[in-house]
C-alpha atoms as a PDB file:
ATOM      1  CA  UNK A   1     -17.162  32.833 -22.068  1.00  0.00           C
ATOM      2  CA  UNK A   2     -14.510  29.987 -22.262  1.00  0.00           C
ATOM      3  CA  UNK A   3     -14.272  26.589 -20.756  1.00  0.00           C
ATOM      4  CA  UNK A   4     -10.922  24.921 -20.144  1.00  0.00           C
ATOM      5  CA  UNK A   5     -10.532  20.924 -19.038  1.00  0.00           C
ATOM      6  CA  UNK A   6      -7.748  21.415 -16.441  1.00  0.00           C
ATOM      7  CA  UNK A   7      -5.585  17.939 -14.949  1.00  0.00           C
ATOM      8  CA  UNK A   8      -4.427  17.536 -11.719  1.00  0.00           C
ATOM      9  CA  UNK A   9      -2.292  15.428  -9.330  1.00  0.00           C
ATOM     10  CA  UNK A  10      -3.870  14.939  -5.532  1.00  0.00           C
ATOM     11  CA  UNK A  11      -0.956  14.071  -3.359  1.00  0.00           C
ATOM     12  CA  UNK A  12       0.560  13.979  -0.096  1.00  0.00           C
ATOM     13  CA  UNK A  13      -1.691  14.916   3.028  1.00  0.00           C
ATOM     14  CA  UNK A  14      -4.319  15.800   0.863  1.00  0.00           C
ATOM     15  CA  UNK A  15      -5.328  12.426  -0.752  1.00  0.00           C
ATOM     16  CA  UNK A  16      -7.028  11.613   2.956  1.00  0.00           C
ATOM     17  CA  UNK A  17      -9.515  14.941   1.935  1.00  0.00           C
ATOM     18  CA  UNK A  18     -12.850  14.121   0.906  1.00  0.00           C
ATOM     19  CA  UNK A  19     -14.417  14.379  -2.955  1.00  0.00           C
ATOM     20  CA  UNK A  20     -16.766  17.151  -1.376  1.00  0.00           C
ATOM     21  CA  UNK A  21     -13.568  19.346   0.924  1.00  0.00           C
ATOM     22  CA  UNK A  22     -11.955  19.154  -2.670  1.00  0.00           C
ATOM     23  CA  UNK A  23     -14.834  20.995  -4.597  1.00  0.00           C
ATOM     24  CA  UNK A  24     -14.814  23.545  -1.820  1.00  0.00           C
ATOM     25  CA  UNK A  25     -11.380  23.518  -1.774  1.00  0.00           C
ATOM     26  CA  UNK A  26     -10.882  24.192  -5.517  1.00  0.00           C
ATOM     27  CA  UNK A  27     -13.510  26.844  -5.957  1.00  0.00           C
ATOM     28  CA  UNK A  28     -12.049  29.054  -2.688  1.00  0.00           C
ATOM     29  CA  UNK A  29      -8.317  28.663  -4.760  1.00  0.00           C
ATOM     30  CA  UNK A  30      -9.778  29.820  -7.639  1.00  0.00           C
ATOM     31  CA  UNK A  31     -11.912  32.706  -5.845  1.00  0.00           C
ATOM     32  CA  UNK A  32      -8.380  33.722  -4.072  1.00  0.00           C
ATOM     33  CA  UNK A  33      -6.642  33.807  -7.737  1.00  0.00           C
ATOM     34  CA  UNK A  34      -9.950  35.999  -9.252  1.00  0.00           C
ATOM     35  CA  UNK A  35     -10.556  33.585 -12.098  1.00  0.00           C
ATOM     36  CA  UNK A  36     -14.273  34.719 -13.176  1.00  0.00           C
ATOM     37  CA  UNK A  37     -16.150  31.673 -13.225  1.00  0.00           C
ATOM     38  CA  UNK A  38     -19.585  30.997 -14.660  1.00  0.00           C
ATOM     39  CA  UNK A  39     -22.420  30.528 -11.936  1.00  0.00           C
ATOM     40  CA  UNK A  40     -25.658  28.312 -13.036  1.00  0.00           C
ATOM     41  CA  UNK A  41     -29.090  29.977 -13.183  1.00  0.00           C
ATOM     42  CA  UNK A  42     -31.461  29.393 -10.502  1.00  0.00           C
ATOM     43  CA  UNK A  43     -32.565  29.639  -6.929  1.00  0.00           C
ATOM     44  CA  UNK A  44     -29.040  28.533  -5.230  1.00  0.00           C
ATOM     45  CA  UNK A  45     -26.076  29.117  -8.377  1.00  0.00           C
ATOM     46  CA  UNK A  46     -22.838  27.498  -7.865  1.00  0.00           C
ATOM     47  CA  UNK A  47     -19.809  27.689 -10.310  1.00  0.00           C
ATOM     48  CA  UNK A  48     -19.855  25.526 -13.175  1.00  0.00           C
ATOM     49  CA  UNK A  49     -16.907  22.910 -11.923  1.00  0.00           C
ATOM     50  CA  UNK A  50     -16.544  19.576 -12.794  1.00  0.00           C
ATOM     51  CA  UNK A  51     -14.838  16.587 -11.888  1.00  0.00           C
ATOM     52  CA  UNK A  52     -13.939  13.511 -13.541  1.00  0.00           C
ATOM     53  CA  UNK A  53     -14.813  11.089 -11.405  1.00  0.00           C
ATOM     54  CA  UNK A  54     -15.216  11.595  -7.274  1.00  0.00           C
ATOM     55  CA  UNK A  55     -11.396  10.926  -5.483  1.00  0.00           C
ATOM     56  CA  UNK A  56     -11.891   8.678  -2.753  1.00  0.00           C
ATOM     57  CA  UNK A  57     -10.059   9.493   0.372  1.00  0.00           C
ATOM     58  CA  UNK A  58      -7.187   7.603   0.465  1.00  0.00           C
ATOM     59  CA  UNK A  59      -6.428   7.668  -3.383  1.00  0.00           C
ATOM     60  CA  UNK A  60      -3.530   9.579  -4.018  1.00  0.00           C
ATOM     61  CA  UNK A  61      -3.070  10.162  -7.973  1.00  0.00           C
ATOM     62  CA  UNK A  62      -1.399  12.145 -10.413  1.00  0.00           C
ATOM     63  CA  UNK A  63      -3.923  11.663 -13.070  1.00  0.00           C
ATOM     64  CA  UNK A  64      -7.158  14.020 -12.130  1.00  0.00           C
ATOM     65  CA  UNK A  65      -9.432  16.181 -14.224  1.00  0.00           C
ATOM     66  CA  UNK A  66     -11.571  18.729 -13.677  1.00  0.00           C
ATOM     67  CA  UNK A  67     -13.521  21.096 -16.081  1.00  0.00           C
ATOM     68  CA  UNK A  68     -14.260  25.204 -15.141  1.00  0.00           C
ATOM     69  CA  UNK A  69     -16.744  27.414 -17.158  1.00  0.00           C
ATOM     70  CA  UNK A  70     -15.582  31.055 -16.940  1.00  0.00           C
ATOM     71  CA  UNK A  71     -16.959  34.369 -17.320  1.00  0.00           C
ATOM     72  CA  UNK A  72     -13.475  35.793 -19.339  1.00  0.00           C
ATOM     73  CA  UNK A  73     -11.139  34.230 -21.908  1.00  0.00           C
ATOM     74  CA  UNK A  74      -8.104  33.503 -20.409  1.00  0.00           C
ATOM     75  CA  UNK A  75      -5.050  31.695 -21.258  1.00  0.00           C
ATOM     76  CA  UNK A  76      -4.464  28.256 -19.950  1.00  0.00           C
ATOM     77  CA  UNK A  77      -0.963  28.675 -18.799  1.00  0.00           C
ATOM     78  CA  UNK A  78      -1.766  32.381 -17.023  1.00  0.00           C
ATOM     79  CA  UNK A  79      -4.891  30.289 -15.351  1.00  0.00           C
ATOM     80  CA  UNK A  80      -2.273  27.234 -14.151  1.00  0.00           C
ATOM     81  CA  UNK A  81       0.030  30.328 -12.629  1.00  0.00           C
ATOM     82  CA  UNK A  82      -2.692  31.566 -11.151  1.00  0.00           C
ATOM     83  CA  UNK A  83      -4.317  29.168  -9.328  1.00  0.00           C
ATOM     84  CA  UNK A  84      -1.335  26.763  -8.528  1.00  0.00           C
ATOM     85  CA  UNK A  85      -0.310  29.731  -5.822  1.00  0.00           C
ATOM     86  CA  UNK A  86      -3.608  29.292  -3.950  1.00  0.00           C
ATOM     87  CA  UNK A  87      -3.511  25.718  -3.578  1.00  0.00           C
ATOM     88  CA  UNK A  88      -2.330  23.835  -0.356  1.00  0.00           C
ATOM     89  CA  UNK A  89       1.091  21.138  -0.648  1.00  0.00           C
ATOM     90  CA  UNK A  90      -0.101  18.365  -2.140  1.00  0.00           C
ATOM     91  CA  UNK A  91      -2.990  19.262  -4.961  1.00  0.00           C
ATOM     92  CA  UNK A  92      -1.265  20.858  -8.177  1.00  0.00           C
ATOM     93  CA  UNK A  93      -2.487  21.685 -11.436  1.00  0.00           C
ATOM     94  CA  UNK A  94       0.142  20.441 -13.853  1.00  0.00           C
ATOM     95  CA  UNK A  95      -1.899  21.057 -17.449  1.00  0.00           C
ATOM     96  CA  UNK A  96      -5.104  22.749 -19.004  1.00  0.00           C
ATOM     97  CA  UNK A  97      -6.554  23.604 -22.075  1.00  0.00           C
ATOM     98  CA  UNK A  98      -8.850  25.463 -23.528  1.00  0.00           C
ATOM     99  CA  UNK A  99     -12.468  23.333 -25.082  1.00  0.00           C
ATOM    100  CA  UNK A 100     -15.279  23.856 -26.738  1.00  0.00           C
ATOM    101  CA  UNK A 101     -18.264  24.901 -24.678  1.00  0.00           C
ATOM    102  CA  UNK A 102     -20.381  21.858 -26.466  1.00  0.00           C
ATOM    103  CA  UNK A 103     -17.324  19.095 -25.774  1.00  0.00           C
ATOM    104  CA  UNK A 104     -19.314  16.084 -23.694  1.00  0.00           C
ATOM    105  CA  UNK A 105     -18.866  16.043 -20.067  1.00  0.00           C
ATOM    106  CA  UNK A 106     -16.088  14.288 -18.105  1.00  0.00           C
ATOM    107  CA  UNK A 107     -17.970  12.105 -16.290  1.00  0.00           C
ATOM    108  CA  UNK A 108     -19.807  10.649 -19.455  1.00  0.00           C
ATOM    109  CA  UNK A 109     -16.182   9.830 -21.109  1.00  0.00           C
ATOM    110  CA  UNK A 110     -14.202   8.002 -18.749  1.00  0.00           C
ATOM    111  CA  UNK A 111     -14.176   4.502 -19.245  1.00  0.00           C
ATOM    112  CA  UNK A 112     -10.750   3.688 -17.271  1.00  0.00           C
ATOM    113  CA  UNK A 113      -8.329   4.296 -14.933  1.00  0.00           C
ATOM    114  CA  UNK A 114      -4.420   3.045 -14.382  1.00  0.00           C
ATOM    115  CA  UNK A 115      -2.973   2.284 -10.827  1.00  0.00           C
ATOM    116  CA  UNK A 116      -0.442   1.096  -8.982  1.00  0.00           C
ATOM    117  CA  UNK A 117      -1.413  -0.492  -5.995  1.00  0.00           C
ATOM    118  CA  UNK A 118       1.285  -2.011  -3.449  1.00  0.00           C
ATOM    119  CA  UNK A 119      -0.020  -5.197  -1.512  1.00  0.00           C
ATOM    120  CA  UNK A 120       2.410  -5.674   1.829  1.00  0.00           C
ATOM    121  CA  UNK A 121       2.372  -9.690   2.497  1.00  0.00           C
ATOM    122  CA  UNK A 122       1.897 -11.286   5.647  1.00  0.00           C
ATOM    123  CA  UNK A 123       4.546 -13.674   4.600  1.00  0.00           C
ATOM    124  CA  UNK A 124       7.244 -14.482   2.168  1.00  0.00           C
ATOM    125  CA  UNK A 125       5.982 -15.553  -1.359  1.00  0.00           C
ATOM    126  CA  UNK A 126       8.170 -16.101  -4.690  1.00  0.00           C
ATOM    127  CA  UNK A 127       7.776 -14.463  -7.431  1.00  0.00           C
ATOM    128  CA  UNK A 128       6.970 -17.857  -9.346  1.00  0.00           C
ATOM    129  CA  UNK A 129       4.012 -18.135  -7.103  1.00  0.00           C
ATOM    130  CA  UNK A 130       2.794 -15.097  -7.581  1.00  0.00           C
ATOM    131  CA  UNK A 131       3.153 -15.087 -10.855  1.00  0.00           C
ATOM    132  CA  UNK A 132       0.818 -18.427 -11.317  1.00  0.00           C
ATOM    133  CA  UNK A 133      -1.548 -17.252  -9.117  1.00  0.00           C
ATOM    134  CA  UNK A 134      -2.239 -13.862 -11.422  1.00  0.00           C
ATOM    135  CA  UNK A 135      -1.848 -16.399 -14.230  1.00  0.00           C
ATOM    136  CA  UNK A 136      -4.847 -18.927 -12.755  1.00  0.00           C
ATOM    137  CA  UNK A 137      -7.146 -15.501 -11.594  1.00  0.00           C
ATOM    138  CA  UNK A 138      -7.081 -14.367 -14.905  1.00  0.00           C
ATOM    139  CA  UNK A 139      -7.818 -17.468 -16.502  1.00  0.00           C
ATOM    140  CA  UNK A 140     -10.900 -17.953 -14.589  1.00  0.00           C
ATOM    141  CA  UNK A 141     -14.109 -17.570 -17.010  1.00  0.00           C
ATOM    142  CA  UNK A 142     -15.811 -15.599 -14.657  1.00  0.00           C
ATOM    143  CA  UNK A 143     -14.961 -13.837 -11.571  1.00  0.00           C
ATOM    144  CA  UNK A 144     -17.657 -13.376  -9.225  1.00  0.00           C
ATOM    145  CA  UNK A 145     -18.216 -10.793  -6.358  1.00  0.00           C
ATOM    146  CA  UNK A 146     -21.108 -10.242  -4.199  1.00  0.00           C
ATOM    147  CA  UNK A 147     -22.215  -6.088  -4.207  1.00  0.00           C
ATOM    148  CA  UNK A 148     -25.476  -5.994  -1.282  1.00  0.00           C
ATOM    149  CA  UNK A 149     -27.042  -2.908  -1.706  1.00  0.00           C
ATOM    150  CA  UNK A 150     -30.788  -1.574   0.171  1.00  0.00           C
ATOM    151  CA  UNK A 151     -33.869  -1.801  -1.414  1.00  0.00           C
ATOM    152  CA  UNK A 152     -37.408  -1.303   0.136  1.00  0.00           C
ATOM    153  CA  UNK A 153     -35.644  -1.226   3.274  1.00  0.00           C
ATOM    154  CA  UNK A 154     -34.014  -4.466   3.110  1.00  0.00           C
ATOM    155  CA  UNK A 155     -30.004  -5.807   2.007  1.00  0.00           C
ATOM    156  CA  UNK A 156     -30.243  -7.614  -1.052  1.00  0.00           C
ATOM    157  CA  UNK A 157     -27.539  -8.918  -3.061  1.00  0.00           C
ATOM    158  CA  UNK A 158     -26.032  -8.979  -6.295  1.00  0.00           C
ATOM    159  CA  UNK A 159     -24.039 -10.944  -8.347  1.00  0.00           C
ATOM    160  CA  UNK A 160     -21.509  -8.806 -10.374  1.00  0.00           C
ATOM    161  CA  UNK A 161     -18.853 -10.803 -12.795  1.00  0.00           C
ATOM    162  CA  UNK A 162     -15.990  -7.948 -13.129  1.00  0.00           C
ATOM    163  CA  UNK A 163     -13.602  -9.709 -15.283  1.00  0.00           C
ATOM    164  CA  UNK A 164     -15.080  -7.675 -18.285  1.00  0.00           C
ATOM    165  CA  UNK A 165     -13.694  -4.799 -16.348  1.00  0.00           C
ATOM    166  CA  UNK A 166      -9.978  -6.348 -15.843  1.00  0.00           C
ATOM    167  CA  UNK A 167      -8.495  -5.130 -18.546  1.00  0.00           C
ATOM    168  CA  UNK A 168      -4.778  -5.569 -17.524  1.00  0.00           C
ATOM    169  CA  UNK A 169      -3.067  -6.703 -14.958  1.00  0.00           C
ATOM    170  CA  UNK A 170       0.517  -6.881 -14.509  1.00  0.00           C
ATOM    171  CA  UNK A 171       3.445  -7.661 -11.677  1.00  0.00           C
ATOM    172  CA  UNK A 172       5.630  -4.691 -11.186  1.00  0.00           C
ATOM    173  CA  UNK A 173       7.541  -5.510  -8.760  1.00  0.00           C
ATOM    174  CA  UNK A 174       8.280  -8.766  -5.659  1.00  0.00           C
ATOM    175  CA  UNK A 175      10.099  -8.552  -2.691  1.00  0.00           C
ATOM    176  CA  UNK A 176      10.020 -11.055   0.015  1.00  0.00           C
ATOM    177  CA  UNK A 177       7.569  -8.854   1.747  1.00  0.00           C
ATOM    178  CA  UNK A 178       5.170  -6.899  -0.689  1.00  0.00           C
ATOM    179  CA  UNK A 179       4.275  -6.976  -4.586  1.00  0.00           C
ATOM    180  CA  UNK A 180       3.513  -4.375  -6.625  1.00  0.00           C
ATOM    181  CA  UNK A 181       0.971  -4.253  -9.563  1.00  0.00           C
ATOM    182  CA  UNK A 182       0.038  -1.860 -12.357  1.00  0.00           C
ATOM    183  CA  UNK A 183      -3.532  -1.998 -13.100  1.00  0.00           C
ATOM    184  CA  UNK A 184      -5.982  -0.986 -15.838  1.00  0.00           C
ATOM    185  CA  UNK A 185      -9.490  -0.798 -15.044  1.00  0.00           C
ATOM    186  CA  UNK A 186     -13.092   0.319 -15.171  1.00  0.00           C
ATOM    187  CA  UNK A 187     -14.062   3.445 -14.722  1.00  0.00           C
ATOM    188  CA  UNK A 188     -17.458   5.807 -15.209  1.00  0.00           C
ATOM    189  CA  UNK A 189     -20.429   5.022 -15.153  1.00  0.00           C
ATOM    190  CA  UNK A 190     -20.826   2.411 -17.974  1.00  0.00           C
ATOM    191  CA  UNK A 191     -18.679   0.262 -15.469  1.00  0.00           C
ATOM    192  CA  UNK A 192     -16.697   0.320 -12.141  1.00  0.00           C
ATOM    193  CA  UNK A 193     -14.090  -1.478 -10.438  1.00  0.00           C
ATOM    194  CA  UNK A 194     -12.059  -0.518  -7.430  1.00  0.00           C
ATOM    195  CA  UNK A 195      -8.580  -1.466  -7.148  1.00  0.00           C
ATOM    196  CA  UNK A 196      -9.237  -2.780  -3.655  1.00  0.00           C
ATOM    197  CA  UNK A 197     -12.213  -4.603  -4.562  1.00  0.00           C
ATOM    198  CA  UNK A 198     -10.243  -6.775  -7.215  1.00  0.00           C
ATOM    199  CA  UNK A 199      -7.401  -7.265  -4.816  1.00  0.00           C
ATOM    200  CA  UNK A 200      -9.512  -8.379  -1.675  1.00  0.00           C
ATOM    201  CA  UNK A 201     -11.316 -11.198  -4.491  1.00  0.00           C
ATOM    202  CA  UNK A 202      -7.411 -12.009  -5.672  1.00  0.00           C
ATOM    203  CA  UNK A 203      -6.564 -12.760  -2.263  1.00  0.00           C
ATOM    204  CA  UNK A 204      -9.493 -14.729  -1.259  1.00  0.00           C
ATOM    205  CA  UNK A 205      -9.436 -16.636  -4.230  1.00  0.00           C
ATOM    206  CA  UNK A 206      -6.127 -17.541  -4.720  1.00  0.00           C
ATOM    207  CA  UNK A 207      -4.735 -17.534  -1.434  1.00  0.00           C
ATOM    208  CA  UNK A 208      -2.098 -14.980  -1.179  1.00  0.00           C
ATOM    209  CA  UNK A 209      -1.026 -13.354   1.924  1.00  0.00           C
ATOM    210  CA  UNK A 210      -1.729  -9.850   0.803  1.00  0.00           C
ATOM    211  CA  UNK A 211      -2.212  -7.805   4.191  1.00  0.00           C
ATOM    212  CA  UNK A 212      -5.616  -5.596   3.132  1.00  0.00           C
ATOM    213  CA  UNK A 213      -6.177  -2.801   5.534  1.00  0.00           C
ATOM    214  CA  UNK A 214      -2.463  -1.637   4.165  1.00  0.00           C
ATOM    215  CA  UNK A 215      -3.087  -1.905   0.540  1.00  0.00           C
ATOM    216  CA  UNK A 216      -1.424   1.518  -0.934  1.00  0.00           C
ATOM    217  CA  UNK A 217      -3.254   2.416  -4.330  1.00  0.00           C
ATOM    218  CA  UNK A 218      -2.083   5.390  -6.293  1.00  0.00           C
ATOM    219  CA  UNK A 219      -4.000   6.420  -9.848  1.00  0.00           C
ATOM    220  CA  UNK A 220      -1.452   6.929 -12.527  1.00  0.00           C
ATOM    221  CA  UNK A 221      -4.457   8.313 -15.423  1.00  0.00           C
ATOM    222  CA  UNK A 222      -7.530   8.331 -16.916  1.00  0.00           C
ATOM    223  CA  UNK A 223      -8.720   7.335 -20.429  1.00  0.00           C
ATOM    224  CA  UNK A 224     -11.435   7.341 -22.262  1.00  0.00           C
ATOM    225  CA  UNK A 225     -12.138   4.938 -25.732  1.00  0.00           C
ATOM    226  CA  UNK A 226     -11.956   6.136 -28.975  1.00  0.00           C
ATOM    227  CA  UNK A 227     -12.438   3.226 -31.077  1.00  0.00           C
ATOM    228  CA  UNK A 228      -9.995   0.459 -30.012  1.00  0.00           C
ATOM    229  CA  UNK A 229      -7.706   3.306 -28.359  1.00  0.00           C
ATOM    230  CA  UNK A 230      -7.433   4.210 -24.772  1.00  0.00           C
ATOM    231  CA  UNK A 231      -6.830   8.485 -24.805  1.00  0.00           C
ATOM    232  CA  UNK A 232      -6.538  10.461 -21.595  1.00  0.00           C
ATOM    233  CA  UNK A 233      -9.264  13.646 -21.298  1.00  0.00           C
ATOM    234  CA  UNK A 234      -6.948  16.266 -22.664  1.00  0.00           C
ATOM    235  CA  UNK A 235      -6.179  14.781 -26.109  1.00  0.00           C
ATOM    236  CA  UNK A 236      -9.845  14.473 -26.713  1.00  0.00           C
ATOM    237  CA  UNK A 237     -10.242  17.164 -29.505  1.00  0.00           C
ATOM    238  CA  UNK A 238     -14.581  17.948 -28.807  1.00  0.00           C
END
């Protein structure tokens, strides 16, 4: 018995597959690579594969993670080599390490994600105007969004202050026709903010002419908070 923590990228056409399809794809690749997977007990056994987060359709990423439990001892380099030979273009394992069986589940430890977000503009806007808009936006005492959910068959609107979910907003690049942000946002069960939600709120509140249906999001990395430091899942020792 062993357990591996695996980091992989999801790019190109593979960003358009669903999370369920990604799970099936990984399972098939592991089987073809003749990896001896551990299975759950019960009426409908399934391989013990778990992801850090559900990967949204359309999101490209160079920092996704999964844990895989095996019924064999396998060196990470051998695992990477064998599985990558079975994966399609656009999905690639880039690192892996053995972890203890008692190591906390990925979904329970993820606290933040970093992103690159490309935002085309409807018309030219100066860099000074964008920087002023960012400062004014982040200086707001609260940033309220309205989330609609179903309760007892009725739509219920809830106000959520997302300011505490925004850890960093940086303007990386500006041209006449687009702006590129680097964002650090809350992710996971303790708090979650999608980049698209933040960009839509920023556009409407600050009247920035972003073309929302052309925004492109790329995830750089996932993090867990240890003390005051953000570290990656592969840096956790137990």
